[in-house]
Amino acid sequence: MGDVPRDYITIEDNEGIQKRFAVEALFDMEEESYALLTADDETIVMKIEGEEGNQYLVGINNPMESQAILDAYQIAVEEAPAE
């Protein structure tokens, strides 16, 4: 996706299992902010909430919503690729 990930974060799921993700992109869509995260075999989108300096990630529980956001992001990247 991107050339070099911006950062790495560790996410803990509901069962207490931690997994390290690369932050591939931060983007806004329909007045919401999102983070695109990747691990070895997984790509997820999480919503960014809170005010600047005190932000946190929130999971998107609806798989269809998450996929729609990811699809829209990929279309936007294809239409206006980074130089």
C-alpha atoms as a PDB file:
ATOM      1  CA  MET A   1       0.000   0.000   0.000  1.00  0.00           C
ATOM      2  CA  GLY A   2       2.314   2.778   1.162  1.00  0.00           C
ATOM      3  CA  ASP A   3       6.081   2.959   0.838  1.00  0.00           C
ATOM      4  CA  VAL A   4       6.989   2.933   4.524  1.00  0.00           C
ATOM      5  CA  PRO A   5       4.531   2.573   7.416  1.00  0.00           C
ATOM      6  CA  ARG A   6       4.188   5.691   9.523  1.00  0.00           C
ATOM      7  CA  ASP A   7       4.256   3.902  12.857  1.00  0.00           C
ATOM      8  CA  TYR A   8       3.415   0.666  14.641  1.00  0.00           C
ATOM      9  CA  ILE A   9       0.750   0.089  17.267  1.00  0.00           C
ATOM     10  CA  THR A  10      -0.360  -2.897  19.311  1.00  0.00           C
ATOM     11  CA  ILE A  11      -4.064  -3.690  19.423  1.00  0.00           C
ATOM     12  CA  GLU A  12      -5.671  -5.968  21.977  1.00  0.00           C
ATOM     13  CA  ASP A  13      -8.809  -7.825  20.916  1.00  0.00           C
ATOM     14  CA  ASN A  14     -11.795  -8.752  23.094  1.00  0.00           C
ATOM     15  CA  GLU A  15     -10.066 -11.979  24.147  1.00  0.00           C
ATOM     16  CA  GLY A  16      -6.948 -10.156  25.363  1.00  0.00           C
ATOM     17  CA  ILE A  17      -4.785 -11.241  22.423  1.00  0.00           C
ATOM     18  CA  GLN A  18      -2.358  -8.552  21.294  1.00  0.00           C
ATOM     19  CA  LYS A  19      -1.244  -8.052  17.707  1.00  0.00           C
ATOM     20  CA  ARG A  20       1.166  -5.509  16.218  1.00  0.00           C
ATOM     21  CA  PHE A  21      -0.060  -3.467  13.235  1.00  0.00           C
ATOM     22  CA  ALA A  22       1.643  -1.002  10.914  1.00  0.00           C
ATOM     23  CA  VAL A  23      -0.166   2.286  10.425  1.00  0.00           C
ATOM     24  CA  GLU A  24      -0.325   2.441   6.632  1.00  0.00           C
ATOM     25  CA  ALA A  25      -2.552   5.493   6.247  1.00  0.00           C
ATOM     26  CA  LEU A  26      -4.618   8.052   8.104  1.00  0.00           C
ATOM     27  CA  PHE A  27      -7.515   9.512   6.130  1.00  0.00           C
ATOM     28  CA  ASP A  28     -10.824  11.362   6.391  1.00  0.00           C
ATOM     29  CA  MET A  29     -14.048  10.232   4.786  1.00  0.00           C
ATOM     30  CA  GLU A  30     -17.540  11.676   5.246  1.00  0.00           C
ATOM     31  CA  GLU A  31     -16.429  13.868   8.167  1.00  0.00           C
ATOM     32  CA  GLU A  32     -14.879  10.935  10.055  1.00  0.00           C
ATOM     33  CA  SER A  33     -11.185  10.075  10.503  1.00  0.00           C
ATOM     34  CA  TYR A  34      -9.836   6.566   9.994  1.00  0.00           C
ATOM     35  CA  ALA A  35      -6.601   4.601  10.313  1.00  0.00           C
ATOM     36  CA  LEU A  36      -5.669   1.858   7.863  1.00  0.00           C
ATOM     37  CA  LEU A  37      -3.685  -0.802   9.732  1.00  0.00           C
ATOM     38  CA  THR A  38      -1.899  -3.874   8.398  1.00  0.00           C
ATOM     39  CA  ALA A  39      -0.321  -6.942   9.940  1.00  0.00           C
ATOM     40  CA  ASP A  40       1.176  -9.975   8.200  1.00  0.00           C
ATOM     41  CA  ASP A  41      -2.123 -11.447   7.061  1.00  0.00           C
ATOM     42  CA  GLU A  42      -4.677  -8.800   7.953  1.00  0.00           C
ATOM     43  CA  THR A  43      -5.812  -5.311   6.958  1.00  0.00           C
ATOM     44  CA  ILE A  44      -8.245  -3.443   9.179  1.00  0.00           C
ATOM     45  CA  VAL A  45      -9.790   0.011   9.328  1.00  0.00           C
ATOM     46  CA  MET A  46     -10.403   1.698  12.670  1.00  0.00           C
ATOM     47  CA  LYS A  47     -12.153   4.979  13.452  1.00  0.00           C
ATOM     48  CA  ILE A  48     -10.106   7.753  15.092  1.00  0.00           C
ATOM     49  CA  GLU A  49     -12.012   9.506  17.867  1.00  0.00           C
ATOM     50  CA  GLY A  50     -11.198  12.235  20.350  1.00  0.00           C
ATOM     51  CA  GLU A  51      -9.510  15.614  20.028  1.00  0.00           C
ATOM     52  CA  GLU A  52      -6.012  16.174  18.673  1.00  0.00           C
ATOM     53  CA  GLY A  53      -3.492  15.239  21.350  1.00  0.00           C
ATOM     54  CA  ASN A  54      -5.976  12.877  22.992  1.00  0.00           C
ATOM     55  CA  GLN A  55      -7.043  10.572  20.169  1.00  0.00           C
ATOM     56  CA  TYR A  56      -7.780   6.871  20.299  1.00  0.00           C
ATOM     57  CA  LEU A  57      -8.825   4.114  17.892  1.00  0.00           C
ATOM     58  CA  VAL A  58     -12.242   2.484  17.922  1.00  0.00           C
ATOM     59  CA  GLY A  59     -13.028  -0.761  16.163  1.00  0.00           C
ATOM     60  CA  ILE A  60     -15.724  -0.879  13.500  1.00  0.00           C
ATOM     61  CA  ASN A  61     -17.989  -3.758  14.482  1.00  0.00           C
ATOM     62  CA  ASN A  62     -19.930  -3.962  11.230  1.00  0.00           C
ATOM     63  CA  PRO A  63     -17.832  -5.900   8.660  1.00  0.00           C
ATOM     64  CA  MET A  64     -19.857  -4.440   5.777  1.00  0.00           C
ATOM     65  CA  GLU A  65     -19.198  -0.877   6.970  1.00  0.00           C
ATOM     66  CA  SER A  66     -15.494  -1.605   7.396  1.00  0.00           C
ATOM     67  CA  GLN A  67     -15.251  -3.142   3.917  1.00  0.00           C
ATOM     68  CA  ALA A  68     -17.152  -0.214   2.350  1.00  0.00           C
ATOM     69  CA  ILE A  69     -14.709   2.265   3.936  1.00  0.00           C
ATOM     70  CA  LEU A  70     -11.725   0.215   2.765  1.00  0.00           C
ATOM     71  CA  ASP A  71     -13.163  -0.066  -0.766  1.00  0.00           C
ATOM     72  CA  ALA A  72     -13.793   3.696  -0.947  1.00  0.00           C
ATOM     73  CA  TYR A  73     -10.239   4.380   0.283  1.00  0.00           C
ATOM     74  CA  GLN A  74      -8.749   2.080  -2.362  1.00  0.00           C
ATOM     75  CA  ILE A  75     -10.783   3.763  -5.127  1.00  0.00           C
ATOM     76  CA  ALA A  76      -9.600   7.198  -3.926  1.00  0.00           C
ATOM     77  CA  VAL A  77      -5.959   6.043  -3.947  1.00  0.00           C
ATOM     78  CA  GLU A  78      -6.311   4.608  -7.464  1.00  0.00           C
ATOM     79  CA  GLU A  79      -7.866   7.870  -8.704  1.00  0.00           C
ATOM     80  CA  ALA A  80      -5.185  10.091  -7.136  1.00  0.00           C
ATOM     81  CA  PRO A  81      -2.022   8.053  -6.503  1.00  0.00           C
ATOM     82  CA  ALA A  82       0.732   9.570  -4.373  1.00  0.00           C
ATOM     83  CA  GLU A  83       3.791  10.750  -6.236  1.00  0.00           C
END
